């Protein structure tokens, strides 16, 4: 049975490339390709699959409405999927435990956990603010796959 170590290994092998799916209000599934990493939630301390999402992304509205999230990672003929509720921390989803500086560092941490590297982190930080980027933490309630 796959576990979070398997998920971490799969994500690390291709800079966190994964498919994330949420449920729209009408019940249809919305999927998109993102980069994810495994990090500890900054408030609960729970280990989660995390990604950084643009502020206007539809998935954020789905999560706010209560949609669970599935992150599916495929490498060759092997795959692993993580499903669970998600928590948001960002400009439209503030958390008392993190101020603006804490959010800035959190977005960097997730980006780096997803295999991201940047030549100019000041520029990265500016772009994150401009895009209204939000941290998404998927609580792994179910992990399945053939890995």
C-alpha atoms as a PDB file:
ATOM      1  CA  UNK A   1       0.000   0.000   0.000  1.00  0.00           C
ATOM      2  CA  UNK A   2       1.485   3.387  -0.937  1.00  0.00           C
ATOM      3  CA  UNK A   3       2.175   5.928   1.789  1.00  0.00           C
ATOM      4  CA  UNK A   4       3.400   9.529   1.988  1.00  0.00           C
ATOM      5  CA  UNK A   5       6.999   8.367   1.477  1.00  0.00           C
ATOM      6  CA  UNK A   6       5.922   6.917  -1.866  1.00  0.00           C
ATOM      7  CA  UNK A   7       4.130  10.169  -2.719  1.00  0.00           C
ATOM      8  CA  UNK A   8       7.231  12.190  -1.788  1.00  0.00           C
ATOM      9  CA  UNK A   9       9.437   9.954  -3.939  1.00  0.00           C
ATOM     10  CA  UNK A  10       7.107  10.153  -6.936  1.00  0.00           C
ATOM     11  CA  UNK A  11       6.815  13.942  -6.695  1.00  0.00           C
ATOM     12  CA  UNK A  12      10.569  14.409  -6.345  1.00  0.00           C
ATOM     13  CA  UNK A  13      11.245  12.434  -9.517  1.00  0.00           C
ATOM     14  CA  UNK A  14       9.633  15.051 -11.830  1.00  0.00           C
ATOM     15  CA  UNK A  15       9.662  18.390  -9.977  1.00  0.00           C
ATOM     16  CA  UNK A  16       6.360  17.696  -8.277  1.00  0.00           C
ATOM     17  CA  UNK A  17       4.340  17.263 -11.462  1.00  0.00           C
ATOM     18  CA  UNK A  18       0.859  15.963 -10.607  1.00  0.00           C
ATOM     19  CA  UNK A  19      -2.800  16.230 -11.542  1.00  0.00           C
ATOM     20  CA  UNK A  20      -5.050  17.875  -8.973  1.00  0.00           C
ATOM     21  CA  UNK A  21      -8.825  17.369  -9.076  1.00  0.00           C
ATOM     22  CA  UNK A  22     -11.685  19.078  -7.280  1.00  0.00           C
ATOM     23  CA  UNK A  23     -15.448  18.822  -7.570  1.00  0.00           C
ATOM     24  CA  UNK A  24     -17.388  21.685  -9.092  1.00  0.00           C
ATOM     25  CA  UNK A  25     -20.709  22.805  -7.660  1.00  0.00           C
ATOM     26  CA  UNK A  26     -22.627  20.880 -10.359  1.00  0.00           C
ATOM     27  CA  UNK A  27     -20.750  17.663  -9.474  1.00  0.00           C
ATOM     28  CA  UNK A  28     -18.387  17.639 -12.448  1.00  0.00           C
ATOM     29  CA  UNK A  29     -14.699  17.078 -11.739  1.00  0.00           C
ATOM     30  CA  UNK A  30     -12.164  19.786 -12.592  1.00  0.00           C
ATOM     31  CA  UNK A  31      -8.586  18.577 -13.095  1.00  0.00           C
ATOM     32  CA  UNK A  32      -5.408  20.474 -13.846  1.00  0.00           C
ATOM     33  CA  UNK A  33      -1.677  19.837 -13.864  1.00  0.00           C
ATOM     34  CA  UNK A  34       0.287  21.436 -11.018  1.00  0.00           C
ATOM     35  CA  UNK A  35       3.524  21.062  -9.084  1.00  0.00           C
ATOM     36  CA  UNK A  36       3.199  19.681  -5.558  1.00  0.00           C
ATOM     37  CA  UNK A  37       5.440  18.817  -2.655  1.00  0.00           C
ATOM     38  CA  UNK A  38       5.062  17.152   0.725  1.00  0.00           C
ATOM     39  CA  UNK A  39       5.425  19.556   3.670  1.00  0.00           C
ATOM     40  CA  UNK A  40       4.247  19.950   7.229  1.00  0.00           C
ATOM     41  CA  UNK A  41       1.198  22.168   7.644  1.00  0.00           C
ATOM     42  CA  UNK A  42       2.434  25.364   9.360  1.00  0.00           C
ATOM     43  CA  UNK A  43      -0.467  25.429  11.829  1.00  0.00           C
ATOM     44  CA  UNK A  44      -1.393  21.796  12.545  1.00  0.00           C
ATOM     45  CA  UNK A  45       2.035  20.232  11.970  1.00  0.00           C
ATOM     46  CA  UNK A  46       0.387  17.434   9.945  1.00  0.00           C
ATOM     47  CA  UNK A  47       2.279  16.207   6.903  1.00  0.00           C
ATOM     48  CA  UNK A  48       0.325  17.185   3.772  1.00  0.00           C
ATOM     49  CA  UNK A  49       0.612  17.335   0.016  1.00  0.00           C
ATOM     50  CA  UNK A  50       0.870  21.038  -0.791  1.00  0.00           C
ATOM     51  CA  UNK A  51       0.745  23.273  -3.827  1.00  0.00           C
ATOM     52  CA  UNK A  52       0.650  26.976  -4.590  1.00  0.00           C
ATOM     53  CA  UNK A  53      -2.395  28.136  -6.543  1.00  0.00           C
ATOM     54  CA  UNK A  54      -3.166  31.379  -8.356  1.00  0.00           C
ATOM     55  CA  UNK A  55      -5.782  33.449  -6.543  1.00  0.00           C
ATOM     56  CA  UNK A  56      -8.428  33.320  -9.297  1.00  0.00           C
ATOM     57  CA  UNK A  57      -8.105  29.537  -9.846  1.00  0.00           C
ATOM     58  CA  UNK A  58     -11.489  27.796  -9.795  1.00  0.00           C
ATOM     59  CA  UNK A  59     -10.100  25.048  -7.550  1.00  0.00           C
ATOM     60  CA  UNK A  60      -9.854  27.520  -4.648  1.00  0.00           C
ATOM     61  CA  UNK A  61     -13.585  28.234  -4.827  1.00  0.00           C
ATOM     62  CA  UNK A  62     -14.303  24.508  -4.920  1.00  0.00           C
ATOM     63  CA  UNK A  63     -12.160  23.948  -1.833  1.00  0.00           C
ATOM     64  CA  UNK A  64     -13.787  26.872   0.006  1.00  0.00           C
ATOM     65  CA  UNK A  65     -17.142  25.249  -0.742  1.00  0.00           C
ATOM     66  CA  UNK A  66     -15.917  21.977   0.814  1.00  0.00           C
ATOM     67  CA  UNK A  67     -14.675  19.956  -2.154  1.00  0.00           C
ATOM     68  CA  UNK A  68     -12.161  17.296  -1.278  1.00  0.00           C
ATOM     69  CA  UNK A  69      -9.010  17.255  -3.381  1.00  0.00           C
ATOM     70  CA  UNK A  70      -7.305  14.388  -5.166  1.00  0.00           C
ATOM     71  CA  UNK A  71      -3.670  14.648  -6.184  1.00  0.00           C
ATOM     72  CA  UNK A  72      -2.670  11.959  -8.694  1.00  0.00           C
ATOM     73  CA  UNK A  73       0.960  11.325  -9.572  1.00  0.00           C
ATOM     74  CA  UNK A  74       1.984   9.038 -12.434  1.00  0.00           C
ATOM     75  CA  UNK A  75       5.498   7.913 -13.227  1.00  0.00           C
ATOM     76  CA  UNK A  76       5.686   5.423 -16.077  1.00  0.00           C
ATOM     77  CA  UNK A  77       3.104   2.723 -15.437  1.00  0.00           C
ATOM     78  CA  UNK A  78       3.040   3.351 -11.682  1.00  0.00           C
ATOM     79  CA  UNK A  79       0.797   5.849  -9.963  1.00  0.00           C
ATOM     80  CA  UNK A  80      -0.258   7.043  -6.548  1.00  0.00           C
ATOM     81  CA  UNK A  81      -3.234   9.172  -5.536  1.00  0.00           C
ATOM     82  CA  UNK A  82      -3.876  11.175  -2.373  1.00  0.00           C
ATOM     83  CA  UNK A  83      -7.409  12.255  -1.473  1.00  0.00           C
ATOM     84  CA  UNK A  84      -8.634  14.351   1.424  1.00  0.00           C
ATOM     85  CA  UNK A  85      -9.931  17.688   2.592  1.00  0.00           C
ATOM     86  CA  UNK A  86      -7.832  20.756   1.884  1.00  0.00           C
ATOM     87  CA  UNK A  87      -6.907  23.826   3.888  1.00  0.00           C
ATOM     88  CA  UNK A  88      -6.081  27.192   2.315  1.00  0.00           C
ATOM     89  CA  UNK A  89      -3.756  29.929   3.526  1.00  0.00           C
ATOM     90  CA  UNK A  90      -3.403  33.046   1.409  1.00  0.00           C
ATOM     91  CA  UNK A  91      -4.511  36.628   0.867  1.00  0.00           C
ATOM     92  CA  UNK A  92      -8.200  35.641   0.628  1.00  0.00           C
ATOM     93  CA  UNK A  93      -7.828  32.872   3.222  1.00  0.00           C
ATOM     94  CA  UNK A  94      -5.787  34.395   6.061  1.00  0.00           C
ATOM     95  CA  UNK A  95      -4.707  32.405   9.080  1.00  0.00           C
ATOM     96  CA  UNK A  96      -3.956  34.122  12.391  1.00  0.00           C
ATOM     97  CA  UNK A  97      -0.850  31.954  12.786  1.00  0.00           C
ATOM     98  CA  UNK A  98       0.845  33.527   9.740  1.00  0.00           C
ATOM     99  CA  UNK A  99       1.485  37.164   8.946  1.00  0.00           C
ATOM    100  CA  UNK A 100       2.490  38.510   5.514  1.00  0.00           C
ATOM    101  CA  UNK A 101       6.122  37.507   6.055  1.00  0.00           C
ATOM    102  CA  UNK A 102       5.079  34.031   7.188  1.00  0.00           C
ATOM    103  CA  UNK A 103       2.978  33.583   4.042  1.00  0.00           C
ATOM    104  CA  UNK A 104       5.878  34.760   1.859  1.00  0.00           C
ATOM    105  CA  UNK A 105       8.180  32.141   3.387  1.00  0.00           C
ATOM    106  CA  UNK A 106       5.477  29.454   3.257  1.00  0.00           C
ATOM    107  CA  UNK A 107       4.928  29.935  -0.482  1.00  0.00           C
ATOM    108  CA  UNK A 108       8.686  29.615  -1.020  1.00  0.00           C
ATOM    109  CA  UNK A 109       8.810  26.442   1.094  1.00  0.00           C
ATOM    110  CA  UNK A 110       6.059  24.777  -0.945  1.00  0.00           C
ATOM    111  CA  UNK A 111       7.640  25.890  -4.226  1.00  0.00           C
ATOM    112  CA  UNK A 112      10.977  24.403  -3.173  1.00  0.00           C
ATOM    113  CA  UNK A 113       9.345  21.188  -1.876  1.00  0.00           C
ATOM    114  CA  UNK A 114       7.819  20.817  -5.360  1.00  0.00           C
ATOM    115  CA  UNK A 115      11.314  20.969  -6.861  1.00  0.00           C
ATOM    116  CA  UNK A 116      11.216  24.650  -7.768  1.00  0.00           C
ATOM    117  CA  UNK A 117      14.342  26.762  -7.939  1.00  0.00           C
ATOM    118  CA  UNK A 118      14.475  30.468  -8.691  1.00  0.00           C
ATOM    119  CA  UNK A 119      17.316  32.810  -9.604  1.00  0.00           C
ATOM    120  CA  UNK A 120      15.623  35.845  -8.042  1.00  0.00           C
ATOM    121  CA  UNK A 121      13.447  35.169  -5.008  1.00  0.00           C
ATOM    122  CA  UNK A 122      12.576  38.856  -4.667  1.00  0.00           C
ATOM    123  CA  UNK A 123      10.968  38.624  -8.115  1.00  0.00           C
ATOM    124  CA  UNK A 124       9.312  35.329  -7.125  1.00  0.00           C
ATOM    125  CA  UNK A 125       7.846  36.970  -4.003  1.00  0.00           C
ATOM    126  CA  UNK A 126       6.556  39.915  -6.046  1.00  0.00           C
ATOM    127  CA  UNK A 127       4.857  37.580  -8.538  1.00  0.00           C
ATOM    128  CA  UNK A 128       3.238  35.585  -5.727  1.00  0.00           C
ATOM    129  CA  UNK A 129       1.668  38.742  -4.295  1.00  0.00           C
ATOM    130  CA  UNK A 130       0.607  40.005  -7.729  1.00  0.00           C
ATOM    131  CA  UNK A 131      -1.082  36.661  -8.546  1.00  0.00           C
ATOM    132  CA  UNK A 132      -2.764  36.413  -5.122  1.00  0.00           C
ATOM    133  CA  UNK A 133      -1.114  33.029  -4.655  1.00  0.00           C
ATOM    134  CA  UNK A 134      -2.571  30.738  -2.019  1.00  0.00           C
ATOM    135  CA  UNK A 135      -1.090  27.725  -0.250  1.00  0.00           C
ATOM    136  CA  UNK A 136      -3.212  24.568  -0.563  1.00  0.00           C
ATOM    137  CA  UNK A 137      -2.669  21.739   1.937  1.00  0.00           C
ATOM    138  CA  UNK A 138      -4.274  18.371   1.159  1.00  0.00           C
ATOM    139  CA  UNK A 139      -4.772  16.221   4.247  1.00  0.00           C
ATOM    140  CA  UNK A 140      -4.015  12.623   3.146  1.00  0.00           C
ATOM    141  CA  UNK A 141      -7.078  10.684   4.311  1.00  0.00           C
ATOM    142  CA  UNK A 142      -6.730   8.076   1.556  1.00  0.00           C
ATOM    143  CA  UNK A 143      -3.642   7.042  -0.400  1.00  0.00           C
ATOM    144  CA  UNK A 144      -4.038   4.509  -3.212  1.00  0.00           C
ATOM    145  CA  UNK A 145      -2.055   3.334  -6.211  1.00  0.00           C
ATOM    146  CA  UNK A 146       0.020   0.560  -7.666  1.00  0.00           C
ATOM    147  CA  UNK A 147       3.440   1.798  -6.549  1.00  0.00           C
END
